[in-house]
C-alpha atoms as a PDB file:
ATOM      1  CA  UNK A   1      67.965  66.070 183.375  1.00  0.00           C
ATOM      2  CA  UNK A   2      64.262  66.628 182.795  1.00  0.00           C
ATOM      3  CA  UNK A   3      62.351  66.045 186.030  1.00  0.00           C
ATOM      4  CA  UNK A   4      59.354  64.455 184.270  1.00  0.00           C
ATOM      5  CA  UNK A   5      61.381  61.646 182.718  1.00  0.00           C
ATOM      6  CA  UNK A   6      61.230  58.205 184.320  1.00  0.00           C
ATOM      7  CA  UNK A   7      64.724  58.041 185.803  1.00  0.00           C
ATOM      8  CA  UNK A   8      65.769  55.326 188.228  1.00  0.00           C
ATOM      9  CA  UNK A   9      68.438  57.032 190.326  1.00  0.00           C
ATOM     10  CA  UNK A  10      71.367  57.234 190.484  1.00  0.00           C
ATOM     11  CA  UNK A  11      72.060  58.088 186.847  1.00  0.00           C
ATOM     12  CA  UNK A  12      75.628  58.582 185.634  1.00  0.00           C
ATOM     13  CA  UNK A  13      76.984  60.233 182.494  1.00  0.00           C
ATOM     14  CA  UNK A  14      80.394  61.268 181.139  1.00  0.00           C
ATOM     15  CA  UNK A  15      81.438  64.816 182.140  1.00  0.00           C
ATOM     16  CA  UNK A  16      81.364  65.920 178.491  1.00  0.00           C
ATOM     17  CA  UNK A  17      77.661  65.046 178.234  1.00  0.00           C
ATOM     18  CA  UNK A  18      76.572  67.696 180.737  1.00  0.00           C
ATOM     19  CA  UNK A  19      74.416  69.472 178.151  1.00  0.00           C
ATOM     20  CA  UNK A  20      72.931  66.310 176.673  1.00  0.00           C
ATOM     21  CA  UNK A  21      69.502  64.816 177.228  1.00  0.00           C
ATOM     22  CA  UNK A  22      70.019  61.708 179.352  1.00  0.00           C
ATOM     23  CA  UNK A  23      67.729  58.999 177.989  1.00  0.00           C
ATOM     24  CA  UNK A  24      67.668  55.974 180.284  1.00  0.00           C
ATOM     25  CA  UNK A  25      67.125  53.047 177.919  1.00  0.00           C
ATOM     26  CA  UNK A  26      68.510  50.476 180.360  1.00  0.00           C
ATOM     27  CA  UNK A  27      68.780  50.423 184.137  1.00  0.00           C
ATOM     28  CA  UNK A  28      72.077  49.426 185.716  1.00  0.00           C
ATOM     29  CA  UNK A  29      74.879  47.435 184.094  1.00  0.00           C
ATOM     30  CA  UNK A  30      74.486  44.037 182.437  1.00  0.00           C
ATOM     31  CA  UNK A  31      77.942  42.923 183.676  1.00  0.00           C
ATOM     32  CA  UNK A  32      78.181  44.690 187.053  1.00  0.00           C
ATOM     33  CA  UNK A  33      81.017  42.481 188.326  1.00  0.00           C
ATOM     34  CA  UNK A  34      83.980  44.876 188.118  1.00  0.00           C
ATOM     35  CA  UNK A  35      85.506  44.936 191.577  1.00  0.00           C
ATOM     36  CA  UNK A  36      86.450  48.604 191.394  1.00  0.00           C
ATOM     37  CA  UNK A  37      82.951  49.863 190.480  1.00  0.00           C
ATOM     38  CA  UNK A  38      80.036  50.558 192.846  1.00  0.00           C
ATOM     39  CA  UNK A  39      77.994  52.673 190.437  1.00  0.00           C
ATOM     40  CA  UNK A  40      75.184  50.176 189.947  1.00  0.00           C
ATOM     41  CA  UNK A  41      75.198  48.126 193.163  1.00  0.00           C
ATOM     42  CA  UNK A  42      72.134  49.731 194.792  1.00  0.00           C
ATOM     43  CA  UNK A  43      69.089  47.406 194.931  1.00  0.00           C
ATOM     44  CA  UNK A  44      67.049  49.537 192.521  1.00  0.00           C
ATOM     45  CA  UNK A  45      69.839  49.380 189.920  1.00  0.00           C
ATOM     46  CA  UNK A  46      69.423  45.697 189.061  1.00  0.00           C
ATOM     47  CA  UNK A  47      69.879  45.469 185.320  1.00  0.00           C
ATOM     48  CA  UNK A  48      66.906  45.517 183.004  1.00  0.00           C
ATOM     49  CA  UNK A  49      66.052  47.023 179.655  1.00  0.00           C
ATOM     50  CA  UNK A  50      63.426  49.743 179.602  1.00  0.00           C
ATOM     51  CA  UNK A  51      60.260  49.077 177.607  1.00  0.00           C
ATOM     52  CA  UNK A  52      60.259  50.710 174.179  1.00  0.00           C
ATOM     53  CA  UNK A  53      56.920  52.408 174.913  1.00  0.00           C
ATOM     54  CA  UNK A  54      58.400  54.065 178.004  1.00  0.00           C
ATOM     55  CA  UNK A  55      61.438  55.160 176.035  1.00  0.00           C
ATOM     56  CA  UNK A  56      59.251  56.727 173.357  1.00  0.00           C
ATOM     57  CA  UNK A  57      57.213  58.539 176.003  1.00  0.00           C
ATOM     58  CA  UNK A  58      60.410  59.991 177.484  1.00  0.00           C
ATOM     59  CA  UNK A  59      61.506  61.144 174.022  1.00  0.00           C
ATOM     60  CA  UNK A  60      58.112  62.791 173.437  1.00  0.00           C
ATOM     61  CA  UNK A  61      58.304  64.470 176.863  1.00  0.00           C
ATOM     62  CA  UNK A  62      61.761  65.809 176.005  1.00  0.00           C
ATOM     63  CA  UNK A  63      60.482  67.088 172.656  1.00  0.00           C
ATOM     64  CA  UNK A  64      57.555  68.869 174.345  1.00  0.00           C
ATOM     65  CA  UNK A  65      59.903  70.522 176.873  1.00  0.00           C
ATOM     66  CA  UNK A  66      61.071  72.887 174.136  1.00  0.00           C
ATOM     67  CA  UNK A  67      64.693  72.671 175.253  1.00  0.00           C
ATOM     68  CA  UNK A  68      65.950  71.919 171.753  1.00  0.00           C
ATOM     69  CA  UNK A  69      68.347  69.147 172.681  1.00  0.00           C
ATOM     70  CA  UNK A  70      71.103  68.610 170.121  1.00  0.00           C
ATOM     71  CA  UNK A  71      72.756  65.646 171.813  1.00  0.00           C
ATOM     72  CA  UNK A  72      71.432  62.565 173.577  1.00  0.00           C
ATOM     73  CA  UNK A  73      73.274  60.199 175.899  1.00  0.00           C
ATOM     74  CA  UNK A  74      71.823  56.703 176.227  1.00  0.00           C
ATOM     75  CA  UNK A  75      72.083  55.567 179.859  1.00  0.00           C
ATOM     76  CA  UNK A  76      72.785  53.516 181.980  1.00  0.00           C
ATOM     77  CA  UNK A  77      76.052  51.654 182.187  1.00  0.00           C
ATOM     78  CA  UNK A  78      76.048  49.872 178.856  1.00  0.00           C
ATOM     79  CA  UNK A  79      73.064  50.640 176.655  1.00  0.00           C
ATOM     80  CA  UNK A  80      74.947  48.957 173.823  1.00  0.00           C
ATOM     81  CA  UNK A  81      74.096  45.608 175.405  1.00  0.00           C
ATOM     82  CA  UNK A  82      70.674  46.020 173.780  1.00  0.00           C
ATOM     83  CA  UNK A  83      70.201  44.048 170.565  1.00  0.00           C
ATOM     84  CA  UNK A  84      70.718  45.861 167.296  1.00  0.00           C
ATOM     85  CA  UNK A  85      66.995  46.002 166.446  1.00  0.00           C
ATOM     86  CA  UNK A  86      66.151  47.689 169.758  1.00  0.00           C
ATOM     87  CA  UNK A  87      68.948  50.248 169.335  1.00  0.00           C
ATOM     88  CA  UNK A  88      67.839  50.901 165.775  1.00  0.00           C
ATOM     89  CA  UNK A  89      64.266  51.447 166.966  1.00  0.00           C
ATOM     90  CA  UNK A  90      65.424  53.912 169.649  1.00  0.00           C
ATOM     91  CA  UNK A  91      67.484  55.884 167.132  1.00  0.00           C
ATOM     92  CA  UNK A  92      64.527  56.017 164.742  1.00  0.00           C
ATOM     93  CA  UNK A  93      62.259  57.309 167.540  1.00  0.00           C
ATOM     94  CA  UNK A  94      64.791  60.031 168.294  1.00  0.00           C
ATOM     95  CA  UNK A  95      64.871  61.009 164.620  1.00  0.00           C
ATOM     96  CA  UNK A  96      61.060  61.081 164.546  1.00  0.00           C
ATOM     97  CA  UNK A  97      60.451  63.196 167.650  1.00  0.00           C
ATOM     98  CA  UNK A  98      63.749  65.088 168.018  1.00  0.00           C
ATOM     99  CA  UNK A  99      64.964  65.610 164.435  1.00  0.00           C
ATOM    100  CA  UNK A 100      67.363  68.363 165.499  1.00  0.00           C
ATOM    101  CA  UNK A 101      69.567  65.913 167.429  1.00  0.00           C
ATOM    102  CA  UNK A 102      73.003  65.710 165.812  1.00  0.00           C
ATOM    103  CA  UNK A 103      74.708  63.151 168.070  1.00  0.00           C
ATOM    104  CA  UNK A 104      73.707  60.126 170.111  1.00  0.00           C
ATOM    105  CA  UNK A 105      76.247  58.542 172.446  1.00  0.00           C
ATOM    106  CA  UNK A 106      76.485  55.787 175.042  1.00  0.00           C
ATOM    107  CA  UNK A 107      78.747  53.982 177.454  1.00  0.00           C
ATOM    108  CA  UNK A 108      79.645  50.538 176.169  1.00  0.00           C
ATOM    109  CA  UNK A 109      81.512  47.396 177.114  1.00  0.00           C
ATOM    110  CA  UNK A 110      83.776  45.861 174.454  1.00  0.00           C
ATOM    111  CA  UNK A 111      81.721  42.637 174.492  1.00  0.00           C
ATOM    112  CA  UNK A 112      78.657  44.575 173.411  1.00  0.00           C
ATOM    113  CA  UNK A 113      80.454  45.826 170.319  1.00  0.00           C
ATOM    114  CA  UNK A 114      81.955  42.452 169.529  1.00  0.00           C
ATOM    115  CA  UNK A 115      78.522  40.803 169.415  1.00  0.00           C
ATOM    116  CA  UNK A 116      77.367  43.184 166.672  1.00  0.00           C
ATOM    117  CA  UNK A 117      78.470  43.275 163.055  1.00  0.00           C
ATOM    118  CA  UNK A 118      80.242  46.165 161.384  1.00  0.00           C
ATOM    119  CA  UNK A 119      77.181  46.510 159.144  1.00  0.00           C
ATOM    120  CA  UNK A 120      74.895  46.867 162.178  1.00  0.00           C
ATOM    121  CA  UNK A 121      77.199  49.439 163.773  1.00  0.00           C
ATOM    122  CA  UNK A 122      77.399  51.324 160.482  1.00  0.00           C
ATOM    123  CA  UNK A 123      73.601  51.483 160.374  1.00  0.00           C
ATOM    124  CA  UNK A 124      73.466  52.847 163.946  1.00  0.00           C
ATOM    125  CA  UNK A 125      76.120  55.402 163.041  1.00  0.00           C
ATOM    126  CA  UNK A 126      73.993  56.518 160.076  1.00  0.00           C
ATOM    127  CA  UNK A 127      71.084  57.014 162.488  1.00  0.00           C
ATOM    128  CA  UNK A 128      73.159  59.279 164.717  1.00  0.00           C
ATOM    129  CA  UNK A 129      74.780  56.919 167.252  1.00  0.00           C
ATOM    130  CA  UNK A 130      78.267  58.151 166.553  1.00  0.00           C
ATOM    131  CA  UNK A 131      80.235  58.253 169.836  1.00  0.00           C
ATOM    132  CA  UNK A 132      80.833  55.427 172.323  1.00  0.00           C
ATOM    133  CA  UNK A 133      82.544  55.752 175.703  1.00  0.00           C
ATOM    134  CA  UNK A 134      84.544  52.568 176.264  1.00  0.00           C
ATOM    135  CA  UNK A 135      85.781  51.756 179.740  1.00  0.00           C
ATOM    136  CA  UNK A 136      88.848  49.732 178.839  1.00  0.00           C
ATOM    137  CA  UNK A 137      90.299  50.556 182.301  1.00  0.00           C
ATOM    138  CA  UNK A 138      93.586  48.778 181.490  1.00  0.00           C
ATOM    139  CA  UNK A 139      95.412  47.071 178.670  1.00  0.00           C
ATOM    140  CA  UNK A 140      97.112  44.560 180.947  1.00  0.00           C
ATOM    141  CA  UNK A 141      95.449  41.141 181.040  1.00  0.00           C
ATOM    142  CA  UNK A 142      96.579  40.331 184.594  1.00  0.00           C
ATOM    143  CA  UNK A 143      95.039  43.529 185.934  1.00  0.00           C
ATOM    144  CA  UNK A 144      91.846  43.007 183.924  1.00  0.00           C
ATOM    145  CA  UNK A 145      91.513  39.479 185.299  1.00  0.00           C
ATOM    146  CA  UNK A 146      92.098  40.527 188.907  1.00  0.00           C
ATOM    147  CA  UNK A 147      89.412  43.220 188.768  1.00  0.00           C
ATOM    148  CA  UNK A 148      86.893  40.917 187.017  1.00  0.00           C
ATOM    149  CA  UNK A 149      86.509  43.222 184.046  1.00  0.00           C
ATOM    150  CA  UNK A 150      85.512  40.325 181.815  1.00  0.00           C
ATOM    151  CA  UNK A 151      87.639  41.697 178.974  1.00  0.00           C
ATOM    152  CA  UNK A 152      91.174  41.293 177.667  1.00  0.00           C
ATOM    153  CA  UNK A 153      93.623  43.306 175.605  1.00  0.00           C
ATOM    154  CA  UNK A 154      92.420  41.438 172.513  1.00  0.00           C
ATOM    155  CA  UNK A 155      88.672  41.861 173.109  1.00  0.00           C
ATOM    156  CA  UNK A 156      89.100  45.566 173.817  1.00  0.00           C
ATOM    157  CA  UNK A 157      91.194  46.098 170.703  1.00  0.00           C
ATOM    158  CA  UNK A 158      88.756  44.117 168.543  1.00  0.00           C
ATOM    159  CA  UNK A 159      85.865  46.285 169.728  1.00  0.00           C
ATOM    160  CA  UNK A 160      87.725  49.552 169.157  1.00  0.00           C
ATOM    161  CA  UNK A 161      88.764  48.441 165.673  1.00  0.00           C
ATOM    162  CA  UNK A 162      85.203  47.405 164.844  1.00  0.00           C
ATOM    163  CA  UNK A 163      83.908  50.815 165.945  1.00  0.00           C
ATOM    164  CA  UNK A 164      86.478  52.505 163.741  1.00  0.00           C
ATOM    165  CA  UNK A 165      85.488  50.341 160.777  1.00  0.00           C
ATOM    166  CA  UNK A 166      81.887  51.488 161.264  1.00  0.00           C
ATOM    167  CA  UNK A 167      82.889  55.158 161.357  1.00  0.00           C
ATOM    168  CA  UNK A 168      82.063  55.574 165.057  1.00  0.00           C
ATOM    169  CA  UNK A 169      84.210  57.662 167.349  1.00  0.00           C
ATOM    170  CA  UNK A 170      85.673  56.146 170.512  1.00  0.00           C
ATOM    171  CA  UNK A 171      86.321  57.787 173.858  1.00  0.00           C
ATOM    172  CA  UNK A 172      88.412  55.446 176.008  1.00  0.00           C
ATOM    173  CA  UNK A 173      88.929  55.581 179.759  1.00  0.00           C
ATOM    174  CA  UNK A 174      91.984  54.219 181.576  1.00  0.00           C
ATOM    175  CA  UNK A 175      91.991  54.043 185.381  1.00  0.00           C
ATOM    176  CA  UNK A 176      95.132  55.465 186.981  1.00  0.00           C
ATOM    177  CA  UNK A 177      96.118  53.234 189.907  1.00  0.00           C
ATOM    178  CA  UNK A 178      93.985  50.226 188.942  1.00  0.00           C
ATOM    179  CA  UNK A 179      96.904  47.803 189.168  1.00  0.00           C
ATOM    180  CA  UNK A 180      97.781  48.921 192.653  1.00  0.00           C
ATOM    181  CA  UNK A 181     101.376  49.441 193.706  1.00  0.00           C
ATOM    182  CA  UNK A 182     102.495  45.959 192.665  1.00  0.00           C
ATOM    183  CA  UNK A 183     101.216  46.067 189.070  1.00  0.00           C
ATOM    184  CA  UNK A 184     101.450  49.804 188.459  1.00  0.00           C
ATOM    185  CA  UNK A 185     104.166  49.716 185.799  1.00  0.00           C
ATOM    186  CA  UNK A 186     102.765  46.834 183.750  1.00  0.00           C
ATOM    187  CA  UNK A 187      99.283  48.373 183.966  1.00  0.00           C
ATOM    188  CA  UNK A 188     100.629  51.621 182.493  1.00  0.00           C
ATOM    189  CA  UNK A 189     102.682  49.930 179.762  1.00  0.00           C
ATOM    190  CA  UNK A 190      99.881  47.525 178.803  1.00  0.00           C
ATOM    191  CA  UNK A 191      97.402  50.381 178.628  1.00  0.00           C
ATOM    192  CA  UNK A 192      99.739  52.369 176.398  1.00  0.00           C
ATOM    193  CA  UNK A 193     100.165  49.370 174.082  1.00  0.00           C
ATOM    194  CA  UNK A 194      96.398  49.007 173.757  1.00  0.00           C
ATOM    195  CA  UNK A 195      95.931  52.688 172.975  1.00  0.00           C
ATOM    196  CA  UNK A 196      98.795  52.666 170.465  1.00  0.00           C
ATOM    197  CA  UNK A 197      97.176  49.749 168.657  1.00  0.00           C
ATOM    198  CA  UNK A 198      93.688  51.298 168.718  1.00  0.00           C
ATOM    199  CA  UNK A 199      94.460  55.011 168.148  1.00  0.00           C
ATOM    200  CA  UNK A 200      91.194  56.185 169.792  1.00  0.00           C
ATOM    201  CA  UNK A 201      89.649  59.562 169.025  1.00  0.00           C
ATOM    202  CA  UNK A 202      89.566  60.510 172.709  1.00  0.00           C
ATOM    203  CA  UNK A 203      91.463  59.190 175.729  1.00  0.00           C
ATOM    204  CA  UNK A 204      90.904  60.111 179.350  1.00  0.00           C
ATOM    205  CA  UNK A 205      92.325  58.974 182.659  1.00  0.00           C
ATOM    206  CA  UNK A 206      90.909  59.203 186.137  1.00  0.00           C
ATOM    207  CA  UNK A 207      92.144  57.906 189.469  1.00  0.00           C
ATOM    208  CA  UNK A 208      90.410  54.752 190.678  1.00  0.00           C
ATOM    209  CA  UNK A 209      88.386  55.551 193.806  1.00  0.00           C
ATOM    210  CA  UNK A 210      86.463  53.544 196.381  1.00  0.00           C
ATOM    211  CA  UNK A 211      83.756  55.675 198.016  1.00  0.00           C
ATOM    212  CA  UNK A 212      82.058  52.541 199.420  1.00  0.00           C
ATOM    213  CA  UNK A 213      85.303  50.825 200.452  1.00  0.00           C
ATOM    214  CA  UNK A 214      87.764  48.567 198.658  1.00  0.00           C
ATOM    215  CA  UNK A 215      86.970  45.181 200.204  1.00  0.00           C
ATOM    216  CA  UNK A 216      86.157  43.599 196.846  1.00  0.00           C
ATOM    217  CA  UNK A 217      89.508  44.765 195.471  1.00  0.00           C
ATOM    218  CA  UNK A 218      91.320  43.511 198.583  1.00  0.00           C
ATOM    219  CA  UNK A 219      89.754  40.092 198.040  1.00  0.00           C
ATOM    220  CA  UNK A 220      91.240  39.935 194.529  1.00  0.00           C
ATOM    221  CA  UNK A 221      94.742  41.178 195.226  1.00  0.00           C
ATOM    222  CA  UNK A 222      97.007  38.903 197.252  1.00  0.00           C
ATOM    223  CA  UNK A 223      97.782  40.776 200.455  1.00  0.00           C
ATOM    224  CA  UNK A 224      95.130  43.380 199.725  1.00  0.00           C
ATOM    225  CA  UNK A 225      94.909  46.200 197.203  1.00  0.00           C
ATOM    226  CA  UNK A 226      97.284  49.088 197.827  1.00  0.00           C
ATOM    227  CA  UNK A 227      96.500  52.222 195.824  1.00  0.00           C
ATOM    228  CA  UNK A 228      99.657  54.123 194.846  1.00  0.00           C
ATOM    229  CA  UNK A 229     100.174  57.359 196.742  1.00  0.00           C
ATOM    230  CA  UNK A 230     100.202  60.675 194.899  1.00  0.00           C
ATOM    231  CA  UNK A 231     103.822  60.252 193.850  1.00  0.00           C
ATOM    232  CA  UNK A 232     103.144  56.704 192.667  1.00  0.00           C
ATOM    233  CA  UNK A 233     100.141  57.865 190.631  1.00  0.00           C
ATOM    234  CA  UNK A 234     102.286  60.518 188.946  1.00  0.00           C
ATOM    235  CA  UNK A 235     104.998  57.944 188.207  1.00  0.00           C
ATOM    236  CA  UNK A 236     102.390  55.675 186.653  1.00  0.00           C
ATOM    237  CA  UNK A 237     101.060  58.543 184.537  1.00  0.00           C
ATOM    238  CA  UNK A 238     104.589  59.343 183.410  1.00  0.00           C
ATOM    239  CA  UNK A 239     105.119  55.718 182.337  1.00  0.00           C
ATOM    240  CA  UNK A 240     101.804  55.744 180.484  1.00  0.00           C
ATOM    241  CA  UNK A 241     102.484  58.979 178.610  1.00  0.00           C
ATOM    242  CA  UNK A 242     106.088  58.043 177.799  1.00  0.00           C
ATOM    243  CA  UNK A 243     104.888  54.814 176.168  1.00  0.00           C
ATOM    244  CA  UNK A 244     101.964  56.359 174.288  1.00  0.00           C
ATOM    245  CA  UNK A 245     102.552  56.738 170.548  1.00  0.00           C
ATOM    246  CA  UNK A 246      99.329  58.382 169.441  1.00  0.00           C
ATOM    247  CA  UNK A 247      98.918  60.354 166.242  1.00  0.00           C
ATOM    248  CA  UNK A 248      95.866  62.531 166.794  1.00  0.00           C
ATOM    249  CA  UNK A 249      94.050  61.637 170.012  1.00  0.00           C
ATOM    250  CA  UNK A 250      92.415  64.262 172.217  1.00  0.00           C
ATOM    251  CA  UNK A 251      93.681  63.561 175.732  1.00  0.00           C
ATOM    252  CA  UNK A 252      92.134  64.616 179.040  1.00  0.00           C
ATOM    253  CA  UNK A 253      92.994  63.905 182.656  1.00  0.00           C
ATOM    254  CA  UNK A 254      90.750  66.655 184.002  1.00  0.00           C
ATOM    255  CA  UNK A 255      88.295  64.462 185.935  1.00  0.00           C
ATOM    256  CA  UNK A 256      87.762  65.602 189.537  1.00  0.00           C
ATOM    257  CA  UNK A 257      89.610  62.525 190.834  1.00  0.00           C
ATOM    258  CA  UNK A 258      92.908  63.605 189.255  1.00  0.00           C
ATOM    259  CA  UNK A 259      95.510  65.573 191.172  1.00  0.00           C
ATOM    260  CA  UNK A 260      97.117  66.877 187.978  1.00  0.00           C
ATOM    261  CA  UNK A 261      95.052  68.244 185.099  1.00  0.00           C
ATOM    262  CA  UNK A 262      96.367  67.524 181.604  1.00  0.00           C
ATOM    263  CA  UNK A 263      94.620  68.634 178.419  1.00  0.00           C
ATOM    264  CA  UNK A 264      95.861  68.446 174.881  1.00  0.00           C
ATOM    265  CA  UNK A 265      96.412  66.297 171.811  1.00  0.00           C
ATOM    266  CA  UNK A 266      98.695  63.299 171.591  1.00  0.00           C
ATOM    267  CA  UNK A 267     101.160  63.053 170.155  1.00  0.00           C
ATOM    268  CA  UNK A 268     101.974  66.781 169.632  1.00  0.00           C
ATOM    269  CA  UNK A 269     101.579  67.642 173.327  1.00  0.00           C
ATOM    270  CA  UNK A 270     103.484  64.628 174.648  1.00  0.00           C
ATOM    271  CA  UNK A 271     106.670  66.590 175.534  1.00  0.00           C
ATOM    272  CA  UNK A 272     104.597  69.192 177.383  1.00  0.00           C
ATOM    273  CA  UNK A 273     102.735  66.487 179.330  1.00  0.00           C
ATOM    274  CA  UNK A 274     105.990  64.808 180.349  1.00  0.00           C
ATOM    275  CA  UNK A 275     107.323  68.164 181.512  1.00  0.00           C
ATOM    276  CA  UNK A 276     104.182  68.804 183.586  1.00  0.00           C
ATOM    277  CA  UNK A 277     104.243  65.365 185.185  1.00  0.00           C
ATOM    278  CA  UNK A 278     107.928  65.724 186.042  1.00  0.00           C
ATOM    279  CA  UNK A 279     107.172  69.095 187.622  1.00  0.00           C
ATOM    280  CA  UNK A 280     104.424  67.470 189.705  1.00  0.00           C
ATOM    281  CA  UNK A 281     106.917  64.807 190.798  1.00  0.00           C
ATOM    282  CA  UNK A 282     109.962  66.905 191.525  1.00  0.00           C
ATOM    283  CA  UNK A 283     108.851  70.549 191.772  1.00  0.00           C
ATOM    284  CA  UNK A 284     105.222  70.431 192.954  1.00  0.00           C
ATOM    285  CA  UNK A 285     105.432  74.008 194.185  1.00  0.00           C
ATOM    286  CA  UNK A 286     105.782  75.188 190.569  1.00  0.00           C
ATOM    287  CA  UNK A 287     102.577  73.588 189.287  1.00  0.00           C
ATOM    288  CA  UNK A 288      98.910  73.702 190.220  1.00  0.00           C
ATOM    289  CA  UNK A 289      97.693  70.466 191.795  1.00  0.00           C
ATOM    290  CA  UNK A 290      94.277  69.636 193.212  1.00  0.00           C
ATOM    291  CA  UNK A 291      94.111  69.397 196.974  1.00  0.00           C
ATOM    292  CA  UNK A 292      92.362  66.424 198.579  1.00  0.00           C
ATOM    293  CA  UNK A 293      89.269  68.472 199.375  1.00  0.00           C
ATOM    294  CA  UNK A 294      88.966  69.414 195.698  1.00  0.00           C
ATOM    295  CA  UNK A 295      88.963  65.818 194.486  1.00  0.00           C
ATOM    296  CA  UNK A 296      85.994  63.512 194.073  1.00  0.00           C
ATOM    297  CA  UNK A 297      83.936  61.422 191.686  1.00  0.00           C
END
């Protein structure tokens, strides 16, 4: 990040955006009710949209830095909550001051795609906003309801289909362990069904984590939330992968929270993934797994 930009910390970005200019066009998350997420709960992260004049000044500062940014990530949690006209204006400012930029991306919630038309999304795609990171988290409606995601299988699928119709690429995240021990299997199967219906360009998984405690999750799950142990997480991953029927989706489970790193393309690498997960389950000494001290957010 450029030190002179007007960031309100903390600022988060997908791992793959490590070389991108982080442009904070909103602060916090407009929903901010998911019981598994503490990213935007600090007092200074109360949601608000940044003023367009401040955004333009940050873009000008980035241009004057001489760093030649080719990619821009629009922060914070769901910049796509901004109305179409504001997003269009931001993209036009980027084109004006940073004409070398080839890709603009953002986190987004399905609801913020579903309240825009395909024509509006197509226009944003033409202006460079071509990749959206969608935290579906699960494809199972019971799990989604328990964690207060505010989305369903149907709303997530509608958003992913609308993005595809506009020519945008989707990078979807599923949270390993989100259903707890009790709902682990249906969480995995429901998530696979959603991905099979959507056929996203990218799919990643990471293990749900609670650095600030899991009280909010305990309050939702009858008897408290019980995260599957390592073996249970591998069994859930095996169920997910076995039920995935993807044609050409780049798959990653290389986030620091994962014990087992998987990288490849589904479906061609599905047999190899199943073999690796089975090795982690039954012959862990034959495969490289992250130790607890190596894991994190």
